[in-house]
C-alpha atoms as a PDB file:
ATOM      1  CA  UNK A   1       0.000   0.000   0.000  1.00  0.00           C
ATOM      2  CA  UNK A   2       1.271   3.471  -0.863  1.00  0.00           C
ATOM      3  CA  UNK A   3      -0.614   6.656   0.055  1.00  0.00           C
ATOM      4  CA  UNK A   4       0.631  10.051  -1.107  1.00  0.00           C
ATOM      5  CA  UNK A   5      -0.215  12.883   1.311  1.00  0.00           C
ATOM      6  CA  UNK A   6      -0.159  16.460  -0.012  1.00  0.00           C
ATOM      7  CA  UNK A   7      -1.022  19.531   2.051  1.00  0.00           C
ATOM      8  CA  UNK A   8      -3.677  21.918   0.752  1.00  0.00           C
ATOM      9  CA  UNK A   9      -1.321  24.828   1.389  1.00  0.00           C
ATOM     10  CA  UNK A  10       1.545  25.312  -1.042  1.00  0.00           C
ATOM     11  CA  UNK A  11       4.679  24.397   0.913  1.00  0.00           C
ATOM     12  CA  UNK A  12       7.611  23.720  -1.375  1.00  0.00           C
ATOM     13  CA  UNK A  13      10.139  22.271   1.079  1.00  0.00           C
ATOM     14  CA  UNK A  14      10.595  21.213   4.678  1.00  0.00           C
ATOM     15  CA  UNK A  15      12.518  24.456   5.229  1.00  0.00           C
ATOM     16  CA  UNK A  16       9.393  26.464   4.325  1.00  0.00           C
ATOM     17  CA  UNK A  17       7.150  24.592   6.762  1.00  0.00           C
ATOM     18  CA  UNK A  18       8.147  26.722   9.750  1.00  0.00           C
ATOM     19  CA  UNK A  19       6.221  29.632   8.175  1.00  0.00           C
ATOM     20  CA  UNK A  20       2.980  27.638   8.422  1.00  0.00           C
ATOM     21  CA  UNK A  21       0.537  28.154  11.319  1.00  0.00           C
ATOM     22  CA  UNK A  22       0.478  25.525  14.109  1.00  0.00           C
ATOM     23  CA  UNK A  23      -2.740  24.081  12.640  1.00  0.00           C
ATOM     24  CA  UNK A  24      -0.700  22.844   9.664  1.00  0.00           C
ATOM     25  CA  UNK A  25       1.212  20.360  11.843  1.00  0.00           C
ATOM     26  CA  UNK A  26      -1.899  19.484  13.841  1.00  0.00           C
ATOM     27  CA  UNK A  27      -3.870  18.719  10.667  1.00  0.00           C
ATOM     28  CA  UNK A  28      -1.010  16.617   9.291  1.00  0.00           C
ATOM     29  CA  UNK A  29      -0.804  14.610  12.525  1.00  0.00           C
ATOM     30  CA  UNK A  30      -4.570  14.045  12.525  1.00  0.00           C
ATOM     31  CA  UNK A  31      -4.598  12.893   8.895  1.00  0.00           C
ATOM     32  CA  UNK A  32      -1.715  10.466   9.362  1.00  0.00           C
ATOM     33  CA  UNK A  33      -3.060   8.972  12.601  1.00  0.00           C
ATOM     34  CA  UNK A  34      -6.492   8.553  10.982  1.00  0.00           C
ATOM     35  CA  UNK A  35      -4.990   6.748   7.975  1.00  0.00           C
ATOM     36  CA  UNK A  36      -2.927   4.502  10.254  1.00  0.00           C
ATOM     37  CA  UNK A  37      -6.063   3.575  12.215  1.00  0.00           C
ATOM     38  CA  UNK A  38      -8.320   3.208   9.150  1.00  0.00           C
ATOM     39  CA  UNK A  39      -5.908   0.787   7.468  1.00  0.00           C
ATOM     40  CA  UNK A  40      -4.855  -0.964  10.713  1.00  0.00           C
ATOM     41  CA  UNK A  41      -1.219  -0.138  10.063  1.00  0.00           C
ATOM     42  CA  UNK A  42      -0.077  -0.177  13.694  1.00  0.00           C
ATOM     43  CA  UNK A  43      -0.260  -3.957  13.691  1.00  0.00           C
ATOM     44  CA  UNK A  44       0.933  -4.315  10.092  1.00  0.00           C
ATOM     45  CA  UNK A  45       3.813  -1.814  10.201  1.00  0.00           C
ATOM     46  CA  UNK A  46       4.329   1.267   8.055  1.00  0.00           C
ATOM     47  CA  UNK A  47       6.843   3.918   6.978  1.00  0.00           C
ATOM     48  CA  UNK A  48       6.183   7.652   6.710  1.00  0.00           C
ATOM     49  CA  UNK A  49       8.646   9.036   4.163  1.00  0.00           C
ATOM     50  CA  UNK A  50       9.520  12.624   3.310  1.00  0.00           C
ATOM     51  CA  UNK A  51      11.967  13.410   0.494  1.00  0.00           C
ATOM     52  CA  UNK A  52      13.820  16.674   0.046  1.00  0.00           C
ATOM     53  CA  UNK A  53      16.284  18.470  -2.196  1.00  0.00           C
ATOM     54  CA  UNK A  54      17.140  16.624  -5.403  1.00  0.00           C
ATOM     55  CA  UNK A  55      15.261  13.555  -4.091  1.00  0.00           C
ATOM     56  CA  UNK A  56      11.989  15.496  -4.169  1.00  0.00           C
ATOM     57  CA  UNK A  57      10.665  15.152  -7.714  1.00  0.00           C
ATOM     58  CA  UNK A  58       7.308  16.799  -6.947  1.00  0.00           C
ATOM     59  CA  UNK A  59       7.819  20.555  -6.234  1.00  0.00           C
ATOM     60  CA  UNK A  60       5.472  20.402  -3.229  1.00  0.00           C
ATOM     61  CA  UNK A  61       6.334  19.140   0.235  1.00  0.00           C
ATOM     62  CA  UNK A  62       4.604  15.780   0.592  1.00  0.00           C
ATOM     63  CA  UNK A  63       4.797  12.458   2.394  1.00  0.00           C
ATOM     64  CA  UNK A  64       4.495   8.801   1.484  1.00  0.00           C
ATOM     65  CA  UNK A  65       2.702   6.484   3.886  1.00  0.00           C
ATOM     66  CA  UNK A  66       3.905   3.038   2.857  1.00  0.00           C
ATOM     67  CA  UNK A  67       3.129  -0.429   4.167  1.00  0.00           C
ATOM     68  CA  UNK A  68       3.581  -3.977   2.986  1.00  0.00           C
ATOM     69  CA  UNK A  69      -0.039  -4.474   4.115  1.00  0.00           C
ATOM     70  CA  UNK A  70      -2.368  -5.202   1.200  1.00  0.00           C
ATOM     71  CA  UNK A  71      -5.657  -3.355   1.600  1.00  0.00           C
ATOM     72  CA  UNK A  72      -8.738  -4.907   0.040  1.00  0.00           C
ATOM     73  CA  UNK A  73     -10.721  -2.693  -2.315  1.00  0.00           C
ATOM     74  CA  UNK A  74     -13.852  -1.066  -0.885  1.00  0.00           C
ATOM     75  CA  UNK A  75     -17.003  -0.106  -2.785  1.00  0.00           C
END
């Protein structure tokens, strides 16, 4: 499973994140913890990845929530 998480606000790099209001970090935490619970990733294991610099191909700060867990499709 691979979930790409993009903020609604335009934040280009980790270095620019400090200019965001505290709600930015709070919202991010809430989204990630909700996804972890919804997909039962605590038991399965997961990685939360953030790339930067030349490793960041998308010009927007973003995260990858990755797990070996295979989620069944929902209607």
